[in-house]
Amino acid sequence: MKLYRLLTEEDTSAFCHKVTEALNKGWALHGDPSYAFDQVAGVMRCAQAVTKNAPGTYTPDMKLGAQ
């Protein structure tokens, strides 16, 4: 099965660590990162899609981050 996640976080080193952790768990970058200003919080937010091929059958109750 192919899995998809959209990682999001404020534009801090925490976002880079989140993406780095996913890459080290076998996820691959999918497309370019995105940035947007969150007016409510007054911060920039980042997003990066990642994908991973994994054995098994997908079910909506899967914890994708645990894969």
PDB file of N, CA and C in Angstrom:
ATOM      1  N   MET A   1       0.840  -1.171   0.000  1.00  0.00           N
ATOM      2  CA  MET A   1       0.000   0.000   0.000  1.00  0.00           C
ATOM      3  C   MET A   1       0.888   1.237   0.000  1.00  0.00           C
ATOM      4  N   LYS A   2       0.374   2.324  -0.489  1.00  0.00           N
ATOM      5  CA  LYS A   2       1.090   3.595  -0.468  1.00  0.00           C
ATOM      6  C   LYS A   2       0.408   4.492   0.558  1.00  0.00           C
ATOM      7  N   LEU A   3       1.196   5.041   1.468  1.00  0.00           N
ATOM      8  CA  LEU A   3       0.682   5.903   2.523  1.00  0.00           C
ATOM      9  C   LEU A   3       1.043   7.354   2.234  1.00  0.00           C
ATOM     10  N   TYR A   4       0.207   8.281   2.710  1.00  0.00           N
ATOM     11  CA  TYR A   4       0.397   9.716   2.501  1.00  0.00           C
ATOM     12  C   TYR A   4       0.182  10.441   3.818  1.00  0.00           C
ATOM     13  N   ARG A   5       1.041  11.390   4.100  1.00  0.00           N
ATOM     14  CA  ARG A   5       0.878  12.258   5.275  1.00  0.00           C
ATOM     15  C   ARG A   5       1.198  13.682   4.867  1.00  0.00           C
ATOM     16  N   LEU A   6       0.552  14.629   5.524  1.00  0.00           N
ATOM     17  CA  LEU A   6       0.889  16.038   5.351  1.00  0.00           C
ATOM     18  C   LEU A   6       1.391  16.521   6.702  1.00  0.00           C
ATOM     19  N   LEU A   7       2.691  16.777   6.765  1.00  0.00           N
ATOM     20  CA  LEU A   7       3.303  17.244   8.005  1.00  0.00           C
ATOM     21  C   LEU A   7       3.171  18.761   8.075  1.00  0.00           C
ATOM     22  N   THR A   8       2.737  19.287   9.214  1.00  0.00           N
ATOM     23  CA  THR A   8       2.583  20.729   9.380  1.00  0.00           C
ATOM     24  C   THR A   8       3.155  21.151  10.726  1.00  0.00           C
ATOM     25  N   GLU A   9       3.557  22.403  10.790  1.00  0.00           N
ATOM     26  CA  GLU A   9       4.134  22.930  12.036  1.00  0.00           C
ATOM     27  C   GLU A   9       4.421  24.412  11.819  1.00  0.00           C
ATOM     28  N   GLU A  10       4.604  25.152  12.905  1.00  0.00           N
ATOM     29  CA  GLU A  10       5.072  26.523  12.780  1.00  0.00           C
ATOM     30  C   GLU A  10       6.444  26.510  12.109  1.00  0.00           C
ATOM     31  N   ASP A  11       6.808  27.625  11.496  1.00  0.00           N
ATOM     32  CA  ASP A  11       8.088  27.731  10.794  1.00  0.00           C
ATOM     33  C   ASP A  11       9.225  27.903  11.806  1.00  0.00           C
ATOM     34  N   THR A  12       9.556  26.789  12.457  1.00  0.00           N
ATOM     35  CA  THR A  12      10.656  26.745  13.421  1.00  0.00           C
ATOM     36  C   THR A  12      11.463  25.481  13.152  1.00  0.00           C
ATOM     37  N   SER A  13      12.480  25.265  13.949  1.00  0.00           N
ATOM     38  CA  SER A  13      13.273  24.046  13.770  1.00  0.00           C
ATOM     39  C   SER A  13      12.440  22.800  14.056  1.00  0.00           C
ATOM     40  N   ALA A  14      11.344  22.941  14.800  1.00  0.00           N
ATOM     41  CA  ALA A  14      10.473  21.788  15.079  1.00  0.00           C
ATOM     42  C   ALA A  14       9.939  21.190  13.786  1.00  0.00           C
ATOM     43  N   PHE A  15       9.633  22.033  12.808  1.00  0.00           N
ATOM     44  CA  PHE A  15       9.155  21.526  11.514  1.00  0.00           C
ATOM     45  C   PHE A  15      10.252  20.714  10.830  1.00  0.00           C
ATOM     46  N   CYS A  16      11.462  21.228  10.814  1.00  0.00           N
ATOM     47  CA  CYS A  16      12.577  20.502  10.196  1.00  0.00           C
ATOM     48  C   CYS A  16      12.813  19.166  10.894  1.00  0.00           C
ATOM     49  N   HIS A  17      12.713  19.152  12.211  1.00  0.00           N
ATOM     50  CA  HIS A  17      12.896  17.903  12.954  1.00  0.00           C
ATOM     51  C   HIS A  17      11.787  16.902  12.631  1.00  0.00           C
ATOM     52  N   LYS A  18      10.559  17.383  12.471  1.00  0.00           N
ATOM     53  CA  LYS A  18       9.426  16.504  12.139  1.00  0.00           C
ATOM     54  C   LYS A  18       9.642  15.863  10.773  1.00  0.00           C
ATOM     55  N   VAL A  19      10.069  16.646   9.788  1.00  0.00           N
ATOM     56  CA  VAL A  19      10.318  16.120   8.442  1.00  0.00           C
ATOM     57  C   VAL A  19      11.516  15.177   8.468  1.00  0.00           C
ATOM     58  N   THR A  20      12.572  15.547   9.172  1.00  0.00           N
ATOM     59  CA  THR A  20      13.765  14.696   9.258  1.00  0.00           C
ATOM     60  C   THR A  20      13.426  13.351   9.890  1.00  0.00           C
ATOM     61  N   GLU A  21      12.614  13.367  10.939  1.00  0.00           N
ATOM     62  CA  GLU A  21      12.210  12.111  11.580  1.00  0.00           C
ATOM     63  C   GLU A  21      11.451  11.221  10.595  1.00  0.00           C
ATOM     64  N   ALA A  22      10.525  11.809   9.831  1.00  0.00           N
ATOM     65  CA  ALA A  22       9.764  11.031   8.845  1.00  0.00           C
ATOM     66  C   ALA A  22      10.701  10.435   7.789  1.00  0.00           C
ATOM     67  N   LEU A  23      11.645  11.223   7.306  1.00  0.00           N
ATOM     68  CA  LEU A  23      12.592  10.722   6.295  1.00  0.00           C
ATOM     69  C   LEU A  23      13.406   9.553   6.844  1.00  0.00           C
ATOM     70  N   ASN A  24      13.807   9.639   8.097  1.00  0.00           N
ATOM     71  CA  ASN A  24      14.589   8.572   8.706  1.00  0.00           C
ATOM     72  C   ASN A  24      13.754   7.337   9.013  1.00  0.00           C
ATOM     73  N   LYS A  25      12.432   7.439   8.963  1.00  0.00           N
ATOM     74  CA  LYS A  25      11.538   6.291   9.135  1.00  0.00           C
ATOM     75  C   LYS A  25      11.091   5.730   7.787  1.00  0.00           C
ATOM     76  N   GLY A  26      11.720   6.191   6.693  1.00  0.00           N
ATOM     77  CA  GLY A  26      11.435   5.621   5.387  1.00  0.00           C
ATOM     78  C   GLY A  26      10.432   6.388   4.541  1.00  0.00           C
ATOM     79  N   TRP A  27       9.910   7.518   5.028  1.00  0.00           N
ATOM     80  CA  TRP A  27       8.998   8.340   4.235  1.00  0.00           C
ATOM     81  C   TRP A  27       9.820   9.118   3.216  1.00  0.00           C
ATOM     82  N   ALA A  28       9.204   9.481   2.097  1.00  0.00           N
ATOM     83  CA  ALA A  28       9.880  10.239   1.038  1.00  0.00           C
ATOM     84  C   ALA A  28       9.119  11.540   0.795  1.00  0.00           C
ATOM     85  N   LEU A  29       9.865  12.599   0.504  1.00  0.00           N
ATOM     86  CA  LEU A  29       9.231  13.874   0.192  1.00  0.00           C
ATOM     87  C   LEU A  29       8.349  13.722  -1.036  1.00  0.00           C
ATOM     88  N   HIS A  30       7.216  14.406  -1.026  1.00  0.00           N
ATOM     89  CA  HIS A  30       6.286  14.383  -2.161  1.00  0.00           C
ATOM     90  C   HIS A  30       5.920  15.830  -2.476  1.00  0.00           C
ATOM     91  N   GLY A  31       6.503  16.356  -3.535  1.00  0.00           N
ATOM     92  CA  GLY A  31       6.234  17.744  -3.906  1.00  0.00           C
ATOM     93  C   GLY A  31       7.046  18.722  -3.078  1.00  0.00           C
ATOM     94  N   ASP A  32       6.764  19.985  -3.287  1.00  0.00           N
ATOM     95  CA  ASP A  32       7.475  21.062  -2.615  1.00  0.00           C
ATOM     96  C   ASP A  32       6.806  21.405  -1.289  1.00  0.00           C
ATOM     97  N   PRO A  33       7.578  21.974  -0.350  1.00  0.00           N
ATOM     98  CA  PRO A  33       6.958  22.439   0.888  1.00  0.00           C
ATOM     99  C   PRO A  33       6.083  23.660   0.607  1.00  0.00           C
ATOM    100  N   SER A  34       5.161  23.931   1.512  1.00  0.00           N
ATOM    101  CA  SER A  34       4.280  25.095   1.407  1.00  0.00           C
ATOM    102  C   SER A  34       4.412  25.939   2.666  1.00  0.00           C
ATOM    103  N   TYR A  35       4.178  27.233   2.516  1.00  0.00           N
ATOM    104  CA  TYR A  35       4.227  28.164   3.633  1.00  0.00           C
ATOM    105  C   TYR A  35       3.000  29.050   3.575  1.00  0.00           C
ATOM    106  N   ALA A  36       2.444  29.371   4.727  1.00  0.00           N
ATOM    107  CA  ALA A  36       1.291  30.268   4.786  1.00  0.00           C
ATOM    108  C   ALA A  36       1.320  31.009   6.114  1.00  0.00           C
ATOM    109  N   PHE A  37       0.800  32.212   6.102  1.00  0.00           N
ATOM    110  CA  PHE A  37       0.727  33.003   7.330  1.00  0.00           C
ATOM    111  C   PHE A  37      -0.564  32.674   8.062  1.00  0.00           C
ATOM    112  N   ASP A  38      -0.446  32.320   9.329  1.00  0.00           N
ATOM    113  CA  ASP A  38      -1.596  32.039  10.200  1.00  0.00           C
ATOM    114  C   ASP A  38      -1.932  33.349  10.915  1.00  0.00           C
ATOM    115  N   GLN A  39      -2.983  34.038  10.450  1.00  0.00           N
ATOM    116  CA  GLN A  39      -3.338  35.340  11.019  1.00  0.00           C
ATOM    117  C   GLN A  39      -3.766  35.242  12.476  1.00  0.00           C
ATOM    118  N   VAL A  40      -4.446  34.176  12.831  1.00  0.00           N
ATOM    119  CA  VAL A  40      -4.917  34.025  14.205  1.00  0.00           C
ATOM    120  C   VAL A  40      -3.742  33.926  15.173  1.00  0.00           C
ATOM    121  N   ALA A  41      -2.773  33.072  14.850  1.00  0.00           N
ATOM    122  CA  ALA A  41      -1.617  32.874  15.728  1.00  0.00           C
ATOM    123  C   ALA A  41      -0.507  33.889  15.464  1.00  0.00           C
ATOM    124  N   GLY A  42      -0.545  34.542  14.295  1.00  0.00           N
ATOM    125  CA  GLY A  42       0.478  35.524  13.943  1.00  0.00           C
ATOM    126  C   GLY A  42       1.818  34.912  13.603  1.00  0.00           C
ATOM    127  N   VAL A  43       1.814  33.694  13.033  1.00  0.00           N
ATOM    128  CA  VAL A  43       3.055  32.991  12.696  1.00  0.00           C
ATOM    129  C   VAL A  43       2.965  32.402  11.287  1.00  0.00           C
ATOM    130  N   MET A  44       4.126  32.117  10.729  1.00  0.00           N
ATOM    131  CA  MET A  44       4.182  31.374   9.473  1.00  0.00           C
ATOM    132  C   MET A  44       4.062  29.887   9.799  1.00  0.00           C
ATOM    133  N   ARG A  45       3.367  29.162   8.953  1.00  0.00           N
ATOM    134  CA  ARG A  45       3.228  27.712   9.101  1.00  0.00           C
ATOM    135  C   ARG A  45       3.798  27.043   7.858  1.00  0.00           C
ATOM    136  N   CYS A  46       4.386  25.874   8.058  1.00  0.00           N
ATOM    137  CA  CYS A  46       4.983  25.090   6.979  1.00  0.00           C
ATOM    138  C   CYS A  46       4.203  23.793   6.809  1.00  0.00           C
ATOM    139  N   ALA A  47       4.244  23.262   5.596  1.00  0.00           N
ATOM    140  CA  ALA A  47       3.635  21.967   5.306  1.00  0.00           C
ATOM    141  C   ALA A  47       4.498  21.229   4.299  1.00  0.00           C
ATOM    142  N   GLN A  48       4.621  19.927   4.469  1.00  0.00           N
ATOM    143  CA  GLN A  48       5.360  19.081   3.540  1.00  0.00           C
ATOM    144  C   GLN A  48       4.652  17.749   3.440  1.00  0.00           C
ATOM    145  N   ALA A  49       4.293  17.362   2.226  1.00  0.00           N
ATOM    146  CA  ALA A  49       3.697  16.051   2.005  1.00  0.00           C
ATOM    147  C   ALA A  49       4.809  15.009   1.945  1.00  0.00           C
ATOM    148  N   VAL A  50       4.524  13.830   2.493  1.00  0.00           N
ATOM    149  CA  VAL A  50       5.445  12.695   2.434  1.00  0.00           C
ATOM    150  C   VAL A  50       4.645  11.439   2.101  1.00  0.00           C
ATOM    151  N   THR A  51       5.290  10.487   1.443  1.00  0.00           N
ATOM    152  CA  THR A  51       4.656   9.222   1.096  1.00  0.00           C
ATOM    153  C   THR A  51       5.578   8.071   1.477  1.00  0.00           C
ATOM    154  N   LYS A  52       4.973   6.883   1.594  1.00  0.00           N
ATOM    155  CA  LYS A  52       5.755   5.701   1.945  1.00  0.00           C
ATOM    156  C   LYS A  52       5.038   4.463   1.430  1.00  0.00           C
ATOM    157  N   ASN A  53       5.790   3.537   0.860  1.00  0.00           N
ATOM    158  CA  ASN A  53       5.252   2.230   0.499  1.00  0.00           C
ATOM    159  C   ASN A  53       5.394   1.329   1.718  1.00  0.00           C
ATOM    160  N   ALA A  54       4.327   0.619   2.052  1.00  0.00           N
ATOM    161  CA  ALA A  54       4.336  -0.250   3.226  1.00  0.00           C
ATOM    162  C   ALA A  54       3.536  -1.507   2.924  1.00  0.00           C
ATOM    163  N   PRO A  55       3.882  -2.609   3.587  1.00  0.00           N
ATOM    164  CA  PRO A  55       3.104  -3.832   3.393  1.00  0.00           C
ATOM    165  C   PRO A  55       1.744  -3.712   4.074  1.00  0.00           C
ATOM    166  N   GLY A  56       0.826  -4.538   3.676  1.00  0.00           N
ATOM    167  CA  GLY A  56      -0.473  -4.585   4.317  1.00  0.00           C
ATOM    168  C   GLY A  56      -1.552  -3.888   3.511  1.00  0.00           C
ATOM    169  N   THR A  57      -2.696  -3.733   4.142  1.00  0.00           N
ATOM    170  CA  THR A  57      -3.854  -3.115   3.521  1.00  0.00           C
ATOM    171  C   THR A  57      -4.228  -1.871   4.318  1.00  0.00           C
ATOM    172  N   TYR A  58      -4.478  -0.793   3.630  1.00  0.00           N
ATOM    173  CA  TYR A  58      -4.836   0.463   4.288  1.00  0.00           C
ATOM    174  C   TYR A  58      -6.209   0.374   4.943  1.00  0.00           C
ATOM    175  N   THR A  59      -6.312   0.930   6.121  1.00  0.00           N
ATOM    176  CA  THR A  59      -7.602   1.130   6.786  1.00  0.00           C
ATOM    177  C   THR A  59      -7.603   2.534   7.377  1.00  0.00           C
ATOM    178  N   PRO A  60      -8.743   3.215   7.387  1.00  0.00           N
ATOM    179  CA  PRO A  60      -8.807   4.595   7.867  1.00  0.00           C
ATOM    180  C   PRO A  60      -8.414   4.778   9.341  1.00  0.00           C
ATOM    181  N   ASP A  61      -8.434   3.736  10.127  1.00  0.00           N
ATOM    182  CA  ASP A  61      -8.079   3.872  11.538  1.00  0.00           C
ATOM    183  C   ASP A  61      -6.581   3.689  11.810  1.00  0.00           C
ATOM    184  N   MET A  62      -5.769   3.536  10.767  1.00  0.00           N
ATOM    185  CA  MET A  62      -4.318   3.397  10.924  1.00  0.00           C
ATOM    186  C   MET A  62      -3.722   4.660  11.523  1.00  0.00           C
ATOM    187  N   LYS A  63      -2.708   4.502  12.348  1.00  0.00           N
ATOM    188  CA  LYS A  63      -1.915   5.616  12.825  1.00  0.00           C
ATOM    189  C   LYS A  63      -0.755   5.773  11.835  1.00  0.00           C
ATOM    190  N   LEU A  64      -0.903   6.697  10.889  1.00  0.00           N
ATOM    191  CA  LEU A  64       0.075   6.823   9.815  1.00  0.00           C
ATOM    192  C   LEU A  64       1.473   7.141  10.337  1.00  0.00           C
ATOM    193  N   GLY A  65       1.569   7.945  11.369  1.00  0.00           N
ATOM    194  CA  GLY A  65       2.878   8.286  11.922  1.00  0.00           C
ATOM    195  C   GLY A  65       3.602   7.112  12.530  1.00  0.00           C
ATOM    196  N   ALA A  66       2.880   6.058  12.875  1.00  0.00           N
ATOM    197  CA  ALA A  66       3.485   4.868  13.468  1.00  0.00           C
ATOM    198  C   ALA A  66       3.965   3.884  12.418  1.00  0.00           C
ATOM    199  N   GLN A  67       3.715   4.151  11.159  1.00  0.00           N
ATOM    200  CA  GLN A  67       4.081   3.236  10.088  1.00  0.00           C
ATOM    201  C   GLN A  67       5.536   3.392   9.706  1.00  0.00           C
TER     202      GLN A  67
END
